[in-house]
PDB file of all heavy atoms in Angstrom:
ATOM      1  N   ASN A   1      37.400   7.112 -18.406  1.00  0.00           N
ATOM      2  CA  ASN A   1      36.695   6.751 -19.630  1.00  0.00           C
ATOM      3  C   ASN A   1      37.397   7.323 -20.859  1.00  0.00           C
ATOM      4  O   ASN A   1      37.615   6.632 -21.848  1.00  0.00           O
ATOM      5  CB  ASN A   1      35.251   7.254 -19.577  1.00  0.00           C
ATOM      6  CG  ASN A   1      34.629   7.389 -20.958  1.00  0.00           C
ATOM      7  OD1 ASN A   1      34.267   6.414 -21.588  1.00  0.00           O
ATOM      8  ND2 ASN A   1      34.546   8.614 -21.460  1.00  0.00           N
ATOM      9  N   GLU A   2      37.749   8.594 -20.793  1.00  0.00           N
ATOM     10  CA  GLU A   2      38.331   9.231 -21.976  1.00  0.00           C
ATOM     11  C   GLU A   2      39.765   8.768 -22.202  1.00  0.00           C
ATOM     12  O   GLU A   2      40.210   8.650 -23.346  1.00  0.00           O
ATOM     13  CB  GLU A   2      38.263  10.756 -21.839  1.00  0.00           C
ATOM     14  CG  GLU A   2      38.068  11.473 -23.144  1.00  0.00           C
ATOM     15  CD  GLU A   2      36.811  11.028 -23.877  1.00  0.00           C
ATOM     16  OE1 GLU A   2      35.709  11.136 -23.330  1.00  0.00           O
ATOM     17  OE2 GLU A   2      36.944  10.556 -25.040  1.00  0.00           O
ATOM     18  N   ALA A   3      40.482   8.489 -21.118  1.00  0.00           N
ATOM     19  CA  ALA A   3      41.856   8.002 -21.270  1.00  0.00           C
ATOM     20  C   ALA A   3      41.884   6.660 -21.994  1.00  0.00           C
ATOM     21  O   ALA A   3      42.679   6.450 -22.922  1.00  0.00           O
ATOM     22  CB  ALA A   3      42.534   7.885 -19.902  1.00  0.00           C
ATOM     23  N   ILE A   4      41.015   5.717 -21.577  1.00  0.00           N
ATOM     24  CA  ILE A   4      41.013   4.415 -22.251  1.00  0.00           C
ATOM     25  C   ILE A   4      40.423   4.520 -23.650  1.00  0.00           C
ATOM     26  O   ILE A   4      40.750   3.726 -24.537  1.00  0.00           O
ATOM     27  CB  ILE A   4      40.295   3.333 -21.418  1.00  0.00           C
ATOM     28  CG1 ILE A   4      38.830   3.683 -21.164  1.00  0.00           C
ATOM     29  CG2 ILE A   4      41.029   3.087 -20.107  1.00  0.00           C
ATOM     30  CD1 ILE A   4      38.053   2.570 -20.451  1.00  0.00           C
ATOM     31  N   SER A   5      39.557   5.523 -23.877  1.00  0.00           N
ATOM     32  CA  SER A   5      39.016   5.744 -25.222  1.00  0.00           C
ATOM     33  C   SER A   5      40.093   6.296 -26.149  1.00  0.00           C
ATOM     34  O   SER A   5      40.213   5.874 -27.308  1.00  0.00           O
ATOM     35  CB  SER A   5      37.820   6.699 -25.150  1.00  0.00           C
ATOM     36  OG  SER A   5      36.753   6.129 -24.429  1.00  0.00           O
ATOM     37  N   PHE A   6      40.877   7.253 -25.657  1.00  0.00           N
ATOM     38  CA  PHE A   6      42.008   7.753 -26.446  1.00  0.00           C
ATOM     39  C   PHE A   6      42.981   6.625 -26.769  1.00  0.00           C
ATOM     40  O   PHE A   6      43.453   6.490 -27.903  1.00  0.00           O
ATOM     41  CB  PHE A   6      42.754   8.851 -25.681  1.00  0.00           C
ATOM     42  CG  PHE A   6      42.061  10.187 -25.656  1.00  0.00           C
ATOM     43  CD1 PHE A   6      42.269  11.059 -24.596  1.00  0.00           C
ATOM     44  CD2 PHE A   6      41.225  10.586 -26.680  1.00  0.00           C
ATOM     45  CE1 PHE A   6      41.648  12.298 -24.557  1.00  0.00           C
ATOM     46  CE2 PHE A   6      40.588  11.813 -26.652  1.00  0.00           C
ATOM     47  CZ  PHE A   6      40.803  12.674 -25.585  1.00  0.00           C
ATOM     48  N   ALA A   7      43.284   5.825 -25.749  1.00  0.00           N
ATOM     49  CA  ALA A   7      44.215   4.722 -25.950  1.00  0.00           C
ATOM     50  C   ALA A   7      43.679   3.747 -26.993  1.00  0.00           C
ATOM     51  O   ALA A   7      44.437   3.180 -27.788  1.00  0.00           O
ATOM     52  CB  ALA A   7      44.472   4.002 -24.629  1.00  0.00           C
ATOM     53  N   CYS A   8      42.350   3.565 -26.997  1.00  0.00           N
ATOM     54  CA  CYS A   8      41.703   2.691 -27.980  1.00  0.00           C
ATOM     55  C   CYS A   8      41.994   3.179 -29.401  1.00  0.00           C
ATOM     56  O   CYS A   8      42.207   2.391 -30.315  1.00  0.00           O
ATOM     57  CB  CYS A   8      40.195   2.682 -27.707  1.00  0.00           C
ATOM     58  SG  CYS A   8      39.306   1.309 -28.437  1.00  0.00           S
ATOM     59  N   ALA A   9      42.041   4.501 -29.573  1.00  0.00           N
ATOM     60  CA  ALA A   9      42.290   5.094 -30.894  1.00  0.00           C
ATOM     61  C   ALA A   9      43.776   5.266 -31.184  1.00  0.00           C
ATOM     62  O   ALA A   9      44.144   5.890 -32.191  1.00  0.00           O
ATOM     63  CB  ALA A   9      41.588   6.446 -30.987  1.00  0.00           C
ATOM     64  N   GLY A  10      44.619   4.743 -30.302  1.00  0.00           N
ATOM     65  CA  GLY A  10      46.055   4.762 -30.579  1.00  0.00           C
ATOM     66  C   GLY A  10      46.816   5.913 -29.967  1.00  0.00           C
ATOM     67  O   GLY A  10      48.026   6.047 -30.195  1.00  0.00           O
ATOM     68  N   VAL A  11      46.148   6.760 -29.180  1.00  0.00           N
ATOM     69  CA  VAL A  11      46.827   7.884 -28.548  1.00  0.00           C
ATOM     70  C   VAL A  11      47.601   7.377 -27.329  1.00  0.00           C
ATOM     71  O   VAL A  11      47.105   6.532 -26.575  1.00  0.00           O
ATOM     72  CB  VAL A  11      45.821   8.971 -28.107  1.00  0.00           C
ATOM     73  CG1 VAL A  11      46.545  10.192 -27.534  1.00  0.00           C
ATOM     74  CG2 VAL A  11      44.929   9.392 -29.281  1.00  0.00           C
ATOM     75  N   SER A  12      48.823   7.901 -27.118  1.00  0.00           N
ATOM     76  CA  SER A  12      49.632   7.505 -25.970  1.00  0.00           C
ATOM     77  C   SER A  12      50.138   8.739 -25.243  1.00  0.00           C
ATOM     78  O   SER A  12      49.905   9.875 -25.659  1.00  0.00           O
ATOM     79  CB  SER A  12      50.822   6.653 -26.426  1.00  0.00           C
ATOM     80  OG  SER A  12      51.814   7.473 -27.033  1.00  0.00           O
ATOM     81  N   GLU A  13      50.865   8.500 -24.155  1.00  0.00           N
ATOM     82  CA  GLU A  13      51.411   9.613 -23.377  1.00  0.00           C
ATOM     83  C   GLU A  13      52.447  10.405 -24.165  1.00  0.00           C
ATOM     84  O   GLU A  13      52.814  11.522 -23.780  1.00  0.00           O
ATOM     85  CB  GLU A  13      52.036   9.078 -22.087  1.00  0.00           C
ATOM     86  CG  GLU A  13      53.178   8.118 -22.307  1.00  0.00           C
ATOM     87  CD  GLU A  13      53.731   7.542 -21.021  1.00  0.00           C
ATOM     88  OE1 GLU A  13      53.128   7.773 -19.955  1.00  0.00           O
ATOM     89  OE2 GLU A  13      54.767   6.847 -21.079  1.00  0.00           O
ATOM     90  N   ASP A  14      52.929   9.862 -25.258  1.00  0.00           N
ATOM     91  CA  ASP A  14      53.903  10.567 -26.083  1.00  0.00           C
ATOM     92  C   ASP A  14      53.255  11.531 -27.070  1.00  0.00           C
ATOM     93  O   ASP A  14      53.959  12.270 -27.768  1.00  0.00           O
ATOM     94  CB  ASP A  14      54.756   9.555 -26.869  1.00  0.00           C
ATOM     95  CG  ASP A  14      55.566   8.647 -25.958  1.00  0.00           C
ATOM     96  OD1 ASP A  14      56.053   9.144 -24.926  1.00  0.00           O
ATOM     97  OD2 ASP A  14      55.679   7.443 -26.267  1.00  0.00           O
ATOM     98  N   ASP A  15      51.931  11.511 -27.141  1.00  0.00           N
ATOM     99  CA  ASP A  15      51.224  12.347 -28.114  1.00  0.00           C
ATOM    100  C   ASP A  15      50.770  13.669 -27.518  1.00  0.00           C
ATOM    101  O   ASP A  15      50.673  13.834 -26.295  1.00  0.00           O
ATOM    102  CB  ASP A  15      50.013  11.594 -28.664  1.00  0.00           C
ATOM    103  CG  ASP A  15      50.399  10.463 -29.601  1.00  0.00           C
ATOM    104  OD1 ASP A  15      51.055  10.748 -30.612  1.00  0.00           O
ATOM    105  OD2 ASP A  15      50.069   9.301 -29.305  1.00  0.00           O
ATOM    106  N   THR A  16      50.480  14.617 -28.416  1.00  0.00           N
ATOM    107  CA  THR A  16      49.869  15.893 -28.049  1.00  0.00           C
ATOM    108  C   THR A  16      48.577  16.034 -28.847  1.00  0.00           C
ATOM    109  O   THR A  16      48.560  15.791 -30.061  1.00  0.00           O
ATOM    110  CB  THR A  16      50.800  17.075 -28.358  1.00  0.00           C
ATOM    111  OG1 THR A  16      52.019  16.913 -27.625  1.00  0.00           O
ATOM    112  CG2 THR A  16      50.159  18.401 -27.962  1.00  0.00           C
ATOM    113  N   ILE A  17      47.501  16.409 -28.155  1.00  0.00           N
ATOM    114  CA  ILE A  17      46.179  16.490 -28.758  1.00  0.00           C
ATOM    115  C   ILE A  17      45.758  17.955 -28.867  1.00  0.00           C
ATOM    116  O   ILE A  17      45.899  18.713 -27.904  1.00  0.00           O
ATOM    117  CB  ILE A  17      45.135  15.740 -27.903  1.00  0.00           C
ATOM    118  CG1 ILE A  17      45.556  14.287 -27.668  1.00  0.00           C
ATOM    119  CG2 ILE A  17      43.755  15.809 -28.548  1.00  0.00           C
ATOM    120  CD1 ILE A  17      44.755  13.585 -26.585  1.00  0.00           C
ATOM    121  N   GLN A  18      45.257  18.344 -30.026  1.00  0.00           N
ATOM    122  CA  GLN A  18      44.684  19.688 -30.171  1.00  0.00           C
ATOM    123  C   GLN A  18      43.166  19.584 -30.071  1.00  0.00           C
ATOM    124  O   GLN A  18      42.529  18.870 -30.849  1.00  0.00           O
ATOM    125  CB  GLN A  18      45.080  20.330 -31.497  1.00  0.00           C
ATOM    126  CG  GLN A  18      44.565  21.768 -31.643  1.00  0.00           C
ATOM    127  CD  GLN A  18      45.406  22.599 -32.584  1.00  0.00           C
ATOM    128  OE1 GLN A  18      46.635  22.537 -32.544  1.00  0.00           O
ATOM    129  NE2 GLN A  18      44.768  23.374 -33.438  1.00  0.00           N
ATOM    130  N   LEU A  19      42.604  20.288 -29.101  1.00  0.00           N
ATOM    131  CA  LEU A  19      41.174  20.218 -28.829  1.00  0.00           C
ATOM    132  C   LEU A  19      40.446  21.309 -29.595  1.00  0.00           C
ATOM    133  O   LEU A  19      40.625  22.501 -29.325  1.00  0.00           O
ATOM    134  CB  LEU A  19      40.926  20.360 -27.325  1.00  0.00           C
ATOM    135  CG  LEU A  19      39.480  20.301 -26.837  1.00  0.00           C
ATOM    136  CD1 LEU A  19      38.812  19.001 -27.254  1.00  0.00           C
ATOM    137  CD2 LEU A  19      39.424  20.473 -25.327  1.00  0.00           C
ATOM    138  N   MET A  20      39.615  20.906 -30.560  1.00  0.00           N
ATOM    139  CA  MET A  20      38.881  21.849 -31.408  1.00  0.00           C
ATOM    140  C   MET A  20      37.407  21.891 -31.036  1.00  0.00           C
ATOM    141  O   MET A  20      36.536  22.084 -31.892  1.00  0.00           O
ATOM    142  CB  MET A  20      39.058  21.477 -32.884  1.00  0.00           C
ATOM    143  CG  MET A  20      40.502  21.541 -33.358  1.00  0.00           C
ATOM    144  SD  MET A  20      40.654  21.236 -35.136  1.00  0.00           S
ATOM    145  CE  MET A  20      42.434  21.331 -35.335  1.00  0.00           C
ATOM    146  N   THR A  21      37.117  21.670 -29.751  1.00  0.00           N
ATOM    147  CA  THR A  21      35.748  21.837 -29.248  1.00  0.00           C
ATOM    148  C   THR A  21      35.813  22.728 -28.014  1.00  0.00           C
ATOM    149  O   THR A  21      36.867  22.858 -27.373  1.00  0.00           O
ATOM    150  CB  THR A  21      35.112  20.493 -28.848  1.00  0.00           C
ATOM    151  OG1 THR A  21      35.789  19.986 -27.693  1.00  0.00           O
ATOM    152  CG2 THR A  21      35.190  19.483 -29.963  1.00  0.00           C
ATOM    153  N   THR A  22      34.681  23.305 -27.664  1.00  0.00           N
ATOM    154  CA  THR A  22      34.654  24.180 -26.496  1.00  0.00           C
ATOM    155  C   THR A  22      34.803  23.379 -25.209  1.00  0.00           C
ATOM    156  O   THR A  22      34.391  22.225 -25.129  1.00  0.00           O
ATOM    157  CB  THR A  22      33.347  24.994 -26.466  1.00  0.00           C
ATOM    158  OG1 THR A  22      33.400  25.915 -25.391  1.00  0.00           O
ATOM    159  CG2 THR A  22      32.136  24.094 -26.287  1.00  0.00           C
ATOM    160  N   ILE A  23      35.404  23.995 -24.211  1.00  0.00           N
ATOM    161  CA  ILE A  23      35.537  23.365 -22.898  1.00  0.00           C
ATOM    162  C   ILE A  23      34.663  24.082 -21.881  1.00  0.00           C
ATOM    163  O   ILE A  23      34.551  23.669 -20.738  1.00  0.00           O
ATOM    164  CB  ILE A  23      37.014  23.353 -22.459  1.00  0.00           C
ATOM    165  CG1 ILE A  23      37.234  22.348 -21.310  1.00  0.00           C
ATOM    166  CG2 ILE A  23      37.500  24.750 -22.078  1.00  0.00           C
ATOM    167  CD1 ILE A  23      38.695  22.113 -20.979  1.00  0.00           C
ATOM    168  N   ASP A  24      34.009  25.179 -22.317  1.00  0.00           N
ATOM    169  CA  ASP A  24      33.164  25.950 -21.406  1.00  0.00           C
ATOM    170  C   ASP A  24      31.688  25.712 -21.741  1.00  0.00           C
ATOM    171  O   ASP A  24      31.324  24.674 -22.264  1.00  0.00           O
ATOM    172  CB  ASP A  24      33.533  27.444 -21.461  1.00  0.00           C
ATOM    173  CG  ASP A  24      33.463  28.009 -22.879  1.00  0.00           C
ATOM    174  OD1 ASP A  24      33.069  27.271 -23.809  1.00  0.00           O
ATOM    175  OD2 ASP A  24      33.798  29.194 -23.054  1.00  0.00           O
ATOM    176  N   ARG A  25      30.821  26.657 -21.397  1.00  0.00           N
ATOM    177  CA  ARG A  25      29.382  26.609 -21.706  1.00  0.00           C
ATOM    178  C   ARG A  25      28.686  25.352 -21.176  1.00  0.00           C
ATOM    179  O   ARG A  25      27.782  24.807 -21.807  1.00  0.00           O
ATOM    180  CB  ARG A  25      29.145  26.745 -23.212  1.00  0.00           C
ATOM    181  CG  ARG A  25      29.678  28.045 -23.794  1.00  0.00           C
ATOM    182  CD  ARG A  25      29.279  28.207 -25.234  1.00  0.00           C
ATOM    183  NE  ARG A  25      29.872  29.401 -25.813  1.00  0.00           N
ATOM    184  CZ  ARG A  25      29.665  29.805 -27.057  1.00  0.00           C
ATOM    185  NH1 ARG A  25      28.874  29.095 -27.852  1.00  0.00           N
ATOM    186  NH2 ARG A  25      30.221  30.898 -27.508  1.00  0.00           N
ATOM    187  N   ARG A  26      29.144  24.868 -20.033  1.00  0.00           N
ATOM    188  CA  ARG A  26      28.524  23.712 -19.373  1.00  0.00           C
ATOM    189  C   ARG A  26      28.518  22.472 -20.283  1.00  0.00           C
ATOM    190  O   ARG A  26      27.608  21.654 -20.253  1.00  0.00           O
ATOM    191  CB  ARG A  26      27.099  24.042 -18.907  1.00  0.00           C
ATOM    192  CG  ARG A  26      26.988  25.277 -18.048  1.00  0.00           C
ATOM    193  CD  ARG A  26      25.656  25.371 -17.317  1.00  0.00           C
ATOM    194  NE  ARG A  26      24.520  25.402 -18.184  1.00  0.00           N
ATOM    195  CZ  ARG A  26      23.843  26.508 -18.518  1.00  0.00           C
ATOM    196  NH1 ARG A  26      24.225  27.683 -18.053  1.00  0.00           N
ATOM    197  NH2 ARG A  26      22.790  26.450 -19.306  1.00  0.00           N
ATOM    198  N   PHE A  27      29.570  22.336 -21.082  1.00  0.00           N
ATOM    199  CA  PHE A  27      29.686  21.269 -22.073  1.00  0.00           C
ATOM    200  C   PHE A  27      30.539  20.138 -21.504  1.00  0.00           C
ATOM    201  O   PHE A  27      31.694  20.338 -21.153  1.00  0.00           O
ATOM    202  CB  PHE A  27      30.329  21.839 -23.339  1.00  0.00           C
ATOM    203  CG  PHE A  27      30.337  20.929 -24.530  1.00  0.00           C
ATOM    204  CD1 PHE A  27      29.228  20.157 -24.851  1.00  0.00           C
ATOM    205  CD2 PHE A  27      31.449  20.867 -25.363  1.00  0.00           C
ATOM    206  CE1 PHE A  27      29.232  19.336 -25.973  1.00  0.00           C
ATOM    207  CE2 PHE A  27      31.458  20.052 -26.487  1.00  0.00           C
ATOM    208  CZ  PHE A  27      30.348  19.289 -26.788  1.00  0.00           C
ATOM    209  N   MET A  28      29.955  18.943 -21.369  1.00  0.00           N
ATOM    210  CA  MET A  28      30.687  17.836 -20.761  1.00  0.00           C
ATOM    211  C   MET A  28      31.828  17.341 -21.627  1.00  0.00           C
ATOM    212  O   MET A  28      32.927  17.039 -21.128  1.00  0.00           O
ATOM    213  CB  MET A  28      29.751  16.668 -20.448  1.00  0.00           C
ATOM    214  CG  MET A  28      30.484  15.467 -19.826  1.00  0.00           C
ATOM    215  SD  MET A  28      29.438  14.046 -19.507  1.00  0.00           S
ATOM    216  CE  MET A  28      28.678  14.530 -17.969  1.00  0.00           C
ATOM    217  N   ALA A  29      31.629  17.237 -22.937  1.00  0.00           N
ATOM    218  CA  ALA A  29      32.604  16.576 -23.804  1.00  0.00           C
ATOM    219  C   ALA A  29      33.966  17.257 -23.758  1.00  0.00           C
ATOM    220  O   ALA A  29      34.998  16.596 -23.611  1.00  0.00           O
ATOM    221  CB  ALA A  29      32.085  16.528 -25.237  1.00  0.00           C
ATOM    222  N   GLY A  30      33.993  18.582 -23.885  1.00  0.00           N
ATOM    223  CA  GLY A  30      35.273  19.280 -23.882  1.00  0.00           C
ATOM    224  C   GLY A  30      36.043  19.056 -22.596  1.00  0.00           C
ATOM    225  O   GLY A  30      37.261  18.839 -22.605  1.00  0.00           O
ATOM    226  N   LEU A  31      35.339  19.076 -21.464  1.00  0.00           N
ATOM    227  CA  LEU A  31      35.967  18.812 -20.173  1.00  0.00           C
ATOM    228  C   LEU A  31      36.477  17.374 -20.115  1.00  0.00           C
ATOM    229  O   LEU A  31      37.589  17.111 -19.627  1.00  0.00           O
ATOM    230  CB  LEU A  31      34.960  19.064 -19.050  1.00  0.00           C
ATOM    231  CG  LEU A  31      35.442  18.766 -17.625  1.00  0.00           C
ATOM    232  CD1 LEU A  31      36.610  19.662 -17.257  1.00  0.00           C
ATOM    233  CD2 LEU A  31      34.288  18.944 -16.633  1.00  0.00           C
ATOM    234  N   ALA A  32      35.672  16.443 -20.624  1.00  0.00           N
ATOM    235  CA  ALA A  32      36.073  15.033 -20.618  1.00  0.00           C
ATOM    236  C   ALA A  32      37.365  14.827 -21.412  1.00  0.00           C
ATOM    237  O   ALA A  32      38.270  14.097 -20.982  1.00  0.00           O
ATOM    238  CB  ALA A  32      34.955  14.167 -21.200  1.00  0.00           C
TER     239      ALA A  32
END
């Protein structure tokens, strides 16, 4: 889901993404 969503926004395998949300605290979005 997130891969095709990123691709929808123009992100490709050549890009690097900086994640400014938490990945812990039982949070689904950061893990996704």
